[in-house]
């Protein structure tokens, strides 16, 4: 369907009159042509129409694509599952598919997927660090004057491959860009994920000062009225891990948190927490 046809269907489903949506934007003959898919409109007018329909751009994109699933999220999920399962043949197949998509479309995201998967394969196989693939991602992130959601996700998913000084520098930049979009839930979610992953690295390195710094930033991402159980549980878990570094361990709280993840059927999260807990305890034995 054409853009106008989709918007026309939405208008009719909302029982809105043409003048309520198009007044001052399109003439009556132009409306008819537009909703029949015989003509297009400018980006500025398109955004005005969405506002009059009380529809977000993200919602429209979802409807326009025929309710297709987020292919990027599906790819990230696929290679994450393969990595944790140590399924190297599966990773190789996913890398080849991503490279083929890049060759067909020239969309840089497919090249990024392929490079991440290659990095993961080398990590599992004990092969030399693939500097060429890492440079593709690093150069892209550093060359972007402005970061948006895609760049934040890309950085979060390659965090383990950046040296510590680069992580601190890039995080400062990412944090600055995040403040521009702090009203958008998906950005807040990604910021929580990003800081959590950096905090894990600092906890594994037994760095109390930086752990406290990133914990304080993580705490700021959660509103006191926010009821997201997972994020609150993770925040409490990190607090208790820092307590171990300060020789103030509360073993019962840690046990209760990991048990909560299991009760929520989040077995992988529970196992990851148990592994991190063991590392922090060993570092501070």
C-alpha atoms as a PDB file:
ATOM      1  CA  UNK A   1       0.000   0.000   0.000  1.00  0.00           C
ATOM      2  CA  UNK A   2       1.041   3.615  -0.556  1.00  0.00           C
ATOM      3  CA  UNK A   3       1.547   6.000   2.371  1.00  0.00           C
ATOM      4  CA  UNK A   4      -1.687   7.866   1.596  1.00  0.00           C
ATOM      5  CA  UNK A   5      -3.698   4.649   1.497  1.00  0.00           C
ATOM      6  CA  UNK A   6      -2.417   3.613   4.921  1.00  0.00           C
ATOM      7  CA  UNK A   7      -3.140   7.045   6.393  1.00  0.00           C
ATOM      8  CA  UNK A   8      -6.587   7.024   4.795  1.00  0.00           C
ATOM      9  CA  UNK A   9      -7.405   3.686   6.410  1.00  0.00           C
ATOM     10  CA  UNK A  10      -6.201   4.976   9.782  1.00  0.00           C
ATOM     11  CA  UNK A  11      -8.325   8.131   9.453  1.00  0.00           C
ATOM     12  CA  UNK A  12     -11.426   6.116   8.608  1.00  0.00           C
ATOM     13  CA  UNK A  13     -10.814   3.638  11.425  1.00  0.00           C
ATOM     14  CA  UNK A  14     -10.598   6.561  13.844  1.00  0.00           C
ATOM     15  CA  UNK A  15     -13.834   8.009  12.394  1.00  0.00           C
ATOM     16  CA  UNK A  16     -12.118  11.320  11.687  1.00  0.00           C
ATOM     17  CA  UNK A  17     -13.381  13.657   8.989  1.00  0.00           C
ATOM     18  CA  UNK A  18     -11.037  14.729   6.197  1.00  0.00           C
ATOM     19  CA  UNK A  19     -11.062  18.347   7.338  1.00  0.00           C
ATOM     20  CA  UNK A  20      -9.994  17.295  10.855  1.00  0.00           C
ATOM     21  CA  UNK A  21      -6.872  15.730   9.432  1.00  0.00           C
ATOM     22  CA  UNK A  22      -6.003  17.653   6.267  1.00  0.00           C
ATOM     23  CA  UNK A  23      -7.276  21.212   6.842  1.00  0.00           C
ATOM     24  CA  UNK A  24      -4.610  23.685   5.784  1.00  0.00           C
ATOM     25  CA  UNK A  25      -2.454  20.820   4.486  1.00  0.00           C
ATOM     26  CA  UNK A  26      -4.157  19.330   1.402  1.00  0.00           C
ATOM     27  CA  UNK A  27      -7.022  20.488  -0.808  1.00  0.00           C
ATOM     28  CA  UNK A  28     -10.118  18.288  -1.224  1.00  0.00           C
ATOM     29  CA  UNK A  29      -9.040  16.948  -4.648  1.00  0.00           C
ATOM     30  CA  UNK A  30      -5.508  16.376  -3.311  1.00  0.00           C
ATOM     31  CA  UNK A  31      -6.904  14.420  -0.341  1.00  0.00           C
ATOM     32  CA  UNK A  32      -8.764  12.055  -2.650  1.00  0.00           C
ATOM     33  CA  UNK A  33      -5.703  11.428  -4.807  1.00  0.00           C
ATOM     34  CA  UNK A  34      -3.485  11.029  -1.731  1.00  0.00           C
ATOM     35  CA  UNK A  35      -5.688   8.484   0.076  1.00  0.00           C
ATOM     36  CA  UNK A  36      -6.107   6.482  -3.160  1.00  0.00           C
ATOM     37  CA  UNK A  37      -2.345   6.240  -3.470  1.00  0.00           C
ATOM     38  CA  UNK A  38      -2.216   8.304  -6.689  1.00  0.00           C
ATOM     39  CA  UNK A  39      -0.063  11.100  -5.251  1.00  0.00           C
ATOM     40  CA  UNK A  40       2.440  11.738  -2.478  1.00  0.00           C
ATOM     41  CA  UNK A  41       3.129  14.673  -0.172  1.00  0.00           C
ATOM     42  CA  UNK A  42       6.071  16.433   1.445  1.00  0.00           C
ATOM     43  CA  UNK A  43       7.773  15.213   4.604  1.00  0.00           C
ATOM     44  CA  UNK A  44       6.647  18.326   6.476  1.00  0.00           C
ATOM     45  CA  UNK A  45       2.991  17.807   5.533  1.00  0.00           C
ATOM     46  CA  UNK A  46       3.278  14.098   6.321  1.00  0.00           C
ATOM     47  CA  UNK A  47       4.392  14.883   9.885  1.00  0.00           C
ATOM     48  CA  UNK A  48       1.509  17.369  10.265  1.00  0.00           C
ATOM     49  CA  UNK A  49      -0.947  14.682   9.129  1.00  0.00           C
ATOM     50  CA  UNK A  50       0.462  12.223  11.680  1.00  0.00           C
ATOM     51  CA  UNK A  51       0.024  14.813  14.430  1.00  0.00           C
ATOM     52  CA  UNK A  52      -3.596  15.394  13.409  1.00  0.00           C
ATOM     53  CA  UNK A  53      -4.172  11.632  13.450  1.00  0.00           C
ATOM     54  CA  UNK A  54      -2.650  11.421  16.966  1.00  0.00           C
ATOM     55  CA  UNK A  55      -0.213   8.873  15.589  1.00  0.00           C
ATOM     56  CA  UNK A  56       3.511   8.576  16.301  1.00  0.00           C
ATOM     57  CA  UNK A  57       6.018   8.082  13.511  1.00  0.00           C
ATOM     58  CA  UNK A  58       7.040   4.766  15.077  1.00  0.00           C
ATOM     59  CA  UNK A  59       3.435   3.526  15.090  1.00  0.00           C
ATOM     60  CA  UNK A  60       2.997   4.536  11.454  1.00  0.00           C
ATOM     61  CA  UNK A  61       6.189   2.761  10.423  1.00  0.00           C
ATOM     62  CA  UNK A  62       4.999  -0.392  12.154  1.00  0.00           C
ATOM     63  CA  UNK A  63       1.621  -0.261  10.387  1.00  0.00           C
ATOM     64  CA  UNK A  64       3.132   0.680   7.017  1.00  0.00           C
ATOM     65  CA  UNK A  65       5.502  -2.288   7.156  1.00  0.00           C
ATOM     66  CA  UNK A  66       2.559  -4.622   7.643  1.00  0.00           C
ATOM     67  CA  UNK A  67       3.268  -5.244  11.328  1.00  0.00           C
ATOM     68  CA  UNK A  68       6.621  -6.812  10.491  1.00  0.00           C
ATOM     69  CA  UNK A  69       8.842  -7.712  13.377  1.00  0.00           C
ATOM     70  CA  UNK A  70      11.941  -5.612  14.043  1.00  0.00           C
ATOM     71  CA  UNK A  71      14.513  -7.412  11.906  1.00  0.00           C
ATOM     72  CA  UNK A  72      17.444  -5.721  13.661  1.00  0.00           C
ATOM     73  CA  UNK A  73      16.201  -6.882  17.058  1.00  0.00           C
ATOM     74  CA  UNK A  74      15.676 -10.375  15.656  1.00  0.00           C
ATOM     75  CA  UNK A  75      19.249 -10.486  14.335  1.00  0.00           C
ATOM     76  CA  UNK A  76      20.696  -9.271  17.651  1.00  0.00           C
ATOM     77  CA  UNK A  77      18.649 -11.889  19.476  1.00  0.00           C
ATOM     78  CA  UNK A  78      19.763 -14.600  17.035  1.00  0.00           C
ATOM     79  CA  UNK A  79      23.480 -13.966  17.346  1.00  0.00           C
ATOM     80  CA  UNK A  80      23.233 -13.409  21.117  1.00  0.00           C
ATOM     81  CA  UNK A  81      21.562 -16.805  21.562  1.00  0.00           C
ATOM     82  CA  UNK A  82      24.144 -18.471  19.308  1.00  0.00           C
ATOM     83  CA  UNK A  83      26.982 -16.851  21.237  1.00  0.00           C
ATOM     84  CA  UNK A  84      25.721 -17.922  24.668  1.00  0.00           C
ATOM     85  CA  UNK A  85      25.110 -21.426  23.279  1.00  0.00           C
ATOM     86  CA  UNK A  86      28.689 -21.367  21.876  1.00  0.00           C
ATOM     87  CA  UNK A  87      27.242 -22.337  18.503  1.00  0.00           C
ATOM     88  CA  UNK A  88      30.065 -21.271  16.182  1.00  0.00           C
ATOM     89  CA  UNK A  89      28.531 -22.785  12.990  1.00  0.00           C
ATOM     90  CA  UNK A  90      25.335 -20.829  13.648  1.00  0.00           C
ATOM     91  CA  UNK A  91      27.335 -17.629  14.109  1.00  0.00           C
ATOM     92  CA  UNK A  92      29.178 -18.290  10.841  1.00  0.00           C
ATOM     93  CA  UNK A  93      25.858 -18.726   9.016  1.00  0.00           C
ATOM     94  CA  UNK A  94      24.483 -15.505  10.505  1.00  0.00           C
ATOM     95  CA  UNK A  95      27.621 -13.613   9.513  1.00  0.00           C
ATOM     96  CA  UNK A  96      27.381 -14.855   5.937  1.00  0.00           C
ATOM     97  CA  UNK A  97      23.698 -13.888   5.758  1.00  0.00           C
ATOM     98  CA  UNK A  98      24.474 -10.385   7.058  1.00  0.00           C
ATOM     99  CA  UNK A  99      27.301  -9.894   4.572  1.00  0.00           C
ATOM    100  CA  UNK A 100      25.037 -11.047   1.739  1.00  0.00           C
ATOM    101  CA  UNK A 101      22.367  -8.541   2.834  1.00  0.00           C
ATOM    102  CA  UNK A 102      24.990  -5.811   2.848  1.00  0.00           C
ATOM    103  CA  UNK A 103      26.166  -6.739  -0.655  1.00  0.00           C
ATOM    104  CA  UNK A 104      22.561  -6.663  -1.894  1.00  0.00           C
ATOM    105  CA  UNK A 105      21.414  -3.455  -0.201  1.00  0.00           C
ATOM    106  CA  UNK A 106      24.567  -1.493   0.787  1.00  0.00           C
ATOM    107  CA  UNK A 107      22.854  -0.762   4.130  1.00  0.00           C
ATOM    108  CA  UNK A 108      25.634  -0.241   6.654  1.00  0.00           C
ATOM    109  CA  UNK A 109      23.696  -1.923   9.474  1.00  0.00           C
ATOM    110  CA  UNK A 110      24.158  -5.320   7.823  1.00  0.00           C
ATOM    111  CA  UNK A 111      27.915  -4.805   7.677  1.00  0.00           C
ATOM    112  CA  UNK A 112      27.857  -3.875  11.359  1.00  0.00           C
ATOM    113  CA  UNK A 113      25.922  -7.055  12.184  1.00  0.00           C
ATOM    114  CA  UNK A 114      28.482  -9.122  10.268  1.00  0.00           C
ATOM    115  CA  UNK A 115      31.404  -7.447  12.065  1.00  0.00           C
ATOM    116  CA  UNK A 116      29.867  -7.974  15.515  1.00  0.00           C
ATOM    117  CA  UNK A 117      29.215 -11.631  14.759  1.00  0.00           C
ATOM    118  CA  UNK A 118      32.803 -12.045  13.540  1.00  0.00           C
ATOM    119  CA  UNK A 119      34.084 -10.492  16.770  1.00  0.00           C
ATOM    120  CA  UNK A 120      31.971 -12.945  18.774  1.00  0.00           C
ATOM    121  CA  UNK A 121      33.227 -15.903  16.752  1.00  0.00           C
ATOM    122  CA  UNK A 122      36.854 -14.936  17.339  1.00  0.00           C
ATOM    123  CA  UNK A 123      36.145 -14.513  21.035  1.00  0.00           C
ATOM    124  CA  UNK A 124      34.666 -18.012  21.280  1.00  0.00           C
ATOM    125  CA  UNK A 125      37.306 -19.654  19.111  1.00  0.00           C
ATOM    126  CA  UNK A 126      40.299 -17.991  20.728  1.00  0.00           C
ATOM    127  CA  UNK A 127      41.378 -16.550  17.369  1.00  0.00           C
ATOM    128  CA  UNK A 128      43.430 -13.322  17.078  1.00  0.00           C
ATOM    129  CA  UNK A 129      41.474 -10.136  17.628  1.00  0.00           C
ATOM    130  CA  UNK A 130      39.896  -9.053  14.300  1.00  0.00           C
ATOM    131  CA  UNK A 131      41.098  -5.442  14.155  1.00  0.00           C
ATOM    132  CA  UNK A 132      39.627  -4.900  10.689  1.00  0.00           C
ATOM    133  CA  UNK A 133      36.062  -5.749  11.769  1.00  0.00           C
ATOM    134  CA  UNK A 134      36.387  -3.770  14.994  1.00  0.00           C
ATOM    135  CA  UNK A 135      37.670  -0.731  13.073  1.00  0.00           C
ATOM    136  CA  UNK A 136      34.512  -0.734  10.912  1.00  0.00           C
ATOM    137  CA  UNK A 137      32.379  -0.250  14.021  1.00  0.00           C
ATOM    138  CA  UNK A 138      34.737   2.039  15.911  1.00  0.00           C
ATOM    139  CA  UNK A 139      35.298   4.359  12.947  1.00  0.00           C
ATOM    140  CA  UNK A 140      31.579   4.582  12.261  1.00  0.00           C
ATOM    141  CA  UNK A 141      30.792   5.542  15.878  1.00  0.00           C
ATOM    142  CA  UNK A 142      33.614   8.070  16.125  1.00  0.00           C
ATOM    143  CA  UNK A 143      32.786   9.636  12.761  1.00  0.00           C
ATOM    144  CA  UNK A 144      29.136  10.275  13.659  1.00  0.00           C
ATOM    145  CA  UNK A 145      28.669  13.883  14.710  1.00  0.00           C
ATOM    146  CA  UNK A 146      25.293  13.015  16.228  1.00  0.00           C
ATOM    147  CA  UNK A 147      24.280   9.771  17.885  1.00  0.00           C
ATOM    148  CA  UNK A 148      20.766   8.381  17.825  1.00  0.00           C
ATOM    149  CA  UNK A 149      19.197   5.155  19.044  1.00  0.00           C
ATOM    150  CA  UNK A 150      20.975   2.983  16.459  1.00  0.00           C
ATOM    151  CA  UNK A 151      24.432   4.201  17.513  1.00  0.00           C
ATOM    152  CA  UNK A 152      23.664   3.631  21.202  1.00  0.00           C
ATOM    153  CA  UNK A 153      22.574   0.055  20.524  1.00  0.00           C
ATOM    154  CA  UNK A 154      25.656  -0.547  18.366  1.00  0.00           C
ATOM    155  CA  UNK A 155      27.954   0.726  21.107  1.00  0.00           C
ATOM    156  CA  UNK A 156      26.191  -1.311  23.785  1.00  0.00           C
ATOM    157  CA  UNK A 157      26.516  -4.501  21.730  1.00  0.00           C
ATOM    158  CA  UNK A 158      30.252  -4.004  21.107  1.00  0.00           C
ATOM    159  CA  UNK A 159      31.167  -2.619  24.512  1.00  0.00           C
ATOM    160  CA  UNK A 160      33.296  -5.611  25.534  1.00  0.00           C
ATOM    161  CA  UNK A 161      35.679  -5.024  22.631  1.00  0.00           C
ATOM    162  CA  UNK A 162      36.530  -1.386  23.455  1.00  0.00           C
ATOM    163  CA  UNK A 163      39.529  -0.563  25.676  1.00  0.00           C
ATOM    164  CA  UNK A 164      38.588   0.952  29.018  1.00  0.00           C
ATOM    165  CA  UNK A 165      39.721   4.512  28.247  1.00  0.00           C
ATOM    166  CA  UNK A 166      37.687   4.450  25.018  1.00  0.00           C
ATOM    167  CA  UNK A 167      34.616   3.178  26.898  1.00  0.00           C
ATOM    168  CA  UNK A 168      34.797   6.117  29.318  1.00  0.00           C
ATOM    169  CA  UNK A 169      35.255   8.622  26.489  1.00  0.00           C
ATOM    170  CA  UNK A 170      32.513   7.203  24.288  1.00  0.00           C
ATOM    171  CA  UNK A 171      30.137   6.838  27.232  1.00  0.00           C
ATOM    172  CA  UNK A 172      30.497  10.538  28.031  1.00  0.00           C
ATOM    173  CA  UNK A 173      29.515  11.309  24.458  1.00  0.00           C
ATOM    174  CA  UNK A 174      26.619   8.849  24.485  1.00  0.00           C
ATOM    175  CA  UNK A 175      25.348  10.242  27.783  1.00  0.00           C
ATOM    176  CA  UNK A 176      25.393  13.774  26.362  1.00  0.00           C
ATOM    177  CA  UNK A 177      23.307  12.687  23.380  1.00  0.00           C
ATOM    178  CA  UNK A 178      20.903  10.760  25.588  1.00  0.00           C
ATOM    179  CA  UNK A 179      19.863  13.909  27.427  1.00  0.00           C
ATOM    180  CA  UNK A 180      18.362  15.177  24.172  1.00  0.00           C
ATOM    181  CA  UNK A 181      15.966  12.231  24.018  1.00  0.00           C
ATOM    182  CA  UNK A 182      15.350  11.495  27.700  1.00  0.00           C
ATOM    183  CA  UNK A 183      11.576  11.599  27.280  1.00  0.00           C
ATOM    184  CA  UNK A 184      11.608   8.629  24.913  1.00  0.00           C
ATOM    185  CA  UNK A 185      11.224   5.281  26.675  1.00  0.00           C
ATOM    186  CA  UNK A 186      13.343   3.297  24.234  1.00  0.00           C
ATOM    187  CA  UNK A 187      16.274   5.681  24.788  1.00  0.00           C
ATOM    188  CA  UNK A 188      15.941   5.375  28.547  1.00  0.00           C
ATOM    189  CA  UNK A 189      15.866   1.596  28.240  1.00  0.00           C
ATOM    190  CA  UNK A 190      18.980   1.585  26.073  1.00  0.00           C
ATOM    191  CA  UNK A 191      20.778   3.933  28.452  1.00  0.00           C
ATOM    192  CA  UNK A 192      20.005   1.564  31.331  1.00  0.00           C
ATOM    193  CA  UNK A 193      21.379  -1.324  29.289  1.00  0.00           C
ATOM    194  CA  UNK A 194      24.501   0.608  28.306  1.00  0.00           C
ATOM    195  CA  UNK A 195      25.378   1.729  31.845  1.00  0.00           C
ATOM    196  CA  UNK A 196      24.620  -1.739  33.236  1.00  0.00           C
ATOM    197  CA  UNK A 197      27.087  -3.324  30.834  1.00  0.00           C
ATOM    198  CA  UNK A 198      29.802  -0.783  31.633  1.00  0.00           C
ATOM    199  CA  UNK A 199      29.162  -1.285  35.358  1.00  0.00           C
ATOM    200  CA  UNK A 200      29.581  -5.048  34.938  1.00  0.00           C
ATOM    201  CA  UNK A 201      33.003  -4.465  33.354  1.00  0.00           C
ATOM    202  CA  UNK A 202      34.066  -2.286  36.294  1.00  0.00           C
ATOM    203  CA  UNK A 203      32.788  -4.808  38.838  1.00  0.00           C
ATOM    204  CA  UNK A 204      34.700  -7.603  37.104  1.00  0.00           C
ATOM    205  CA  UNK A 205      37.861  -5.459  37.207  1.00  0.00           C
ATOM    206  CA  UNK A 206      37.237  -4.789  40.909  1.00  0.00           C
ATOM    207  CA  UNK A 207      37.316  -1.037  40.418  1.00  0.00           C
ATOM    208  CA  UNK A 208      35.287   0.456  43.309  1.00  0.00           C
ATOM    209  CA  UNK A 209      35.645   4.096  42.246  1.00  0.00           C
ATOM    210  CA  UNK A 210      34.346   3.622  38.706  1.00  0.00           C
ATOM    211  CA  UNK A 211      31.738   1.116  39.879  1.00  0.00           C
ATOM    212  CA  UNK A 212      30.282   3.756  42.195  1.00  0.00           C
ATOM    213  CA  UNK A 213      30.393   6.375  39.422  1.00  0.00           C
ATOM    214  CA  UNK A 214      28.463   4.232  36.942  1.00  0.00           C
ATOM    215  CA  UNK A 215      26.092   2.968  39.647  1.00  0.00           C
ATOM    216  CA  UNK A 216      25.168   6.572  40.472  1.00  0.00           C
ATOM    217  CA  UNK A 217      24.438   7.251  36.803  1.00  0.00           C
ATOM    218  CA  UNK A 218      22.421   4.052  36.536  1.00  0.00           C
ATOM    219  CA  UNK A 219      20.346   5.066  39.556  1.00  0.00           C
ATOM    220  CA  UNK A 220      19.466   8.353  37.841  1.00  0.00           C
ATOM    221  CA  UNK A 221      17.875   6.539  34.890  1.00  0.00           C
ATOM    222  CA  UNK A 222      15.106   5.116  37.109  1.00  0.00           C
ATOM    223  CA  UNK A 223      12.279   7.323  38.310  1.00  0.00           C
ATOM    224  CA  UNK A 224      10.969   6.785  41.835  1.00  0.00           C
ATOM    225  CA  UNK A 225       7.529   6.177  40.294  1.00  0.00           C
ATOM    226  CA  UNK A 226       8.906   3.607  37.861  1.00  0.00           C
ATOM    227  CA  UNK A 227       7.610   0.103  38.571  1.00  0.00           C
ATOM    228  CA  UNK A 228       9.792  -1.897  36.174  1.00  0.00           C
ATOM    229  CA  UNK A 229      10.713  -4.840  38.365  1.00  0.00           C
ATOM    230  CA  UNK A 230      13.695  -6.022  36.323  1.00  0.00           C
ATOM    231  CA  UNK A 231      15.517  -2.686  36.398  1.00  0.00           C
ATOM    232  CA  UNK A 232      14.883  -2.173  40.107  1.00  0.00           C
ATOM    233  CA  UNK A 233      16.086  -5.691  40.869  1.00  0.00           C
ATOM    234  CA  UNK A 234      19.260  -5.156  38.817  1.00  0.00           C
ATOM    235  CA  UNK A 235      19.915  -1.851  40.550  1.00  0.00           C
ATOM    236  CA  UNK A 236      19.625  -3.525  43.949  1.00  0.00           C
ATOM    237  CA  UNK A 237      21.857  -6.386  42.776  1.00  0.00           C
ATOM    238  CA  UNK A 238      24.596  -3.990  41.655  1.00  0.00           C
ATOM    239  CA  UNK A 239      24.325  -2.118  44.950  1.00  0.00           C
ATOM    240  CA  UNK A 240      24.933  -5.339  46.872  1.00  0.00           C
ATOM    241  CA  UNK A 241      27.899  -6.242  44.652  1.00  0.00           C
ATOM    242  CA  UNK A 242      29.468  -2.881  45.439  1.00  0.00           C
ATOM    243  CA  UNK A 243      28.747  -3.698  49.085  1.00  0.00           C
ATOM    244  CA  UNK A 244      30.941  -6.803  48.723  1.00  0.00           C
ATOM    245  CA  UNK A 245      33.774  -4.591  47.432  1.00  0.00           C
ATOM    246  CA  UNK A 246      33.265  -2.422  50.516  1.00  0.00           C
ATOM    247  CA  UNK A 247      33.181  -5.564  52.731  1.00  0.00           C
ATOM    248  CA  UNK A 248      29.491  -5.054  53.568  1.00  0.00           C
ATOM    249  CA  UNK A 249      27.939  -8.114  51.920  1.00  0.00           C
ATOM    250  CA  UNK A 250      24.288  -8.993  52.491  1.00  0.00           C
ATOM    251  CA  UNK A 251      24.197 -12.614  51.341  1.00  0.00           C
ATOM    252  CA  UNK A 252      20.450 -12.994  51.925  1.00  0.00           C
ATOM    253  CA  UNK A 253      19.580 -10.056  49.685  1.00  0.00           C
ATOM    254  CA  UNK A 254      21.770 -11.420  46.903  1.00  0.00           C
ATOM    255  CA  UNK A 255      20.123 -14.822  47.181  1.00  0.00           C
ATOM    256  CA  UNK A 256      16.655 -13.262  47.116  1.00  0.00           C
ATOM    257  CA  UNK A 257      17.450 -11.220  43.986  1.00  0.00           C
ATOM    258  CA  UNK A 258      18.757 -14.167  41.969  1.00  0.00           C
ATOM    259  CA  UNK A 259      15.770 -16.229  43.123  1.00  0.00           C
ATOM    260  CA  UNK A 260      13.465 -13.439  41.899  1.00  0.00           C
ATOM    261  CA  UNK A 261      14.927 -13.668  38.393  1.00  0.00           C
ATOM    262  CA  UNK A 262      14.330 -17.412  38.367  1.00  0.00           C
ATOM    263  CA  UNK A 263      10.739 -16.939  39.528  1.00  0.00           C
ATOM    264  CA  UNK A 264      10.273 -14.477  36.644  1.00  0.00           C
ATOM    265  CA  UNK A 265      11.494 -17.210  34.280  1.00  0.00           C
ATOM    266  CA  UNK A 266      14.637 -15.203  33.518  1.00  0.00           C
ATOM    267  CA  UNK A 267      17.016 -18.124  33.864  1.00  0.00           C
ATOM    268  CA  UNK A 268      19.775 -16.621  31.720  1.00  0.00           C
ATOM    269  CA  UNK A 269      19.764 -13.376  33.728  1.00  0.00           C
ATOM    270  CA  UNK A 270      19.869 -15.378  36.959  1.00  0.00           C
ATOM    271  CA  UNK A 271      22.858 -17.377  35.699  1.00  0.00           C
ATOM    272  CA  UNK A 272      24.670 -14.235  34.550  1.00  0.00           C
ATOM    273  CA  UNK A 273      24.104 -12.647  37.951  1.00  0.00           C
ATOM    274  CA  UNK A 274      25.363 -15.763  39.714  1.00  0.00           C
ATOM    275  CA  UNK A 275      28.504 -15.740  37.571  1.00  0.00           C
ATOM    276  CA  UNK A 276      29.163 -12.045  38.247  1.00  0.00           C
ATOM    277  CA  UNK A 277      28.573 -12.567  41.963  1.00  0.00           C
ATOM    278  CA  UNK A 278      31.194 -15.332  42.016  1.00  0.00           C
ATOM    279  CA  UNK A 279      33.727 -13.106  40.236  1.00  0.00           C
ATOM    280  CA  UNK A 280      33.215 -10.208  42.663  1.00  0.00           C
ATOM    281  CA  UNK A 281      33.430 -12.505  45.686  1.00  0.00           C
ATOM    282  CA  UNK A 282      36.632 -14.111  44.407  1.00  0.00           C
ATOM    283  CA  UNK A 283      38.148 -10.689  43.744  1.00  0.00           C
ATOM    284  CA  UNK A 284      37.424  -9.651  47.311  1.00  0.00           C
ATOM    285  CA  UNK A 285      38.158 -12.900  49.145  1.00  0.00           C
END
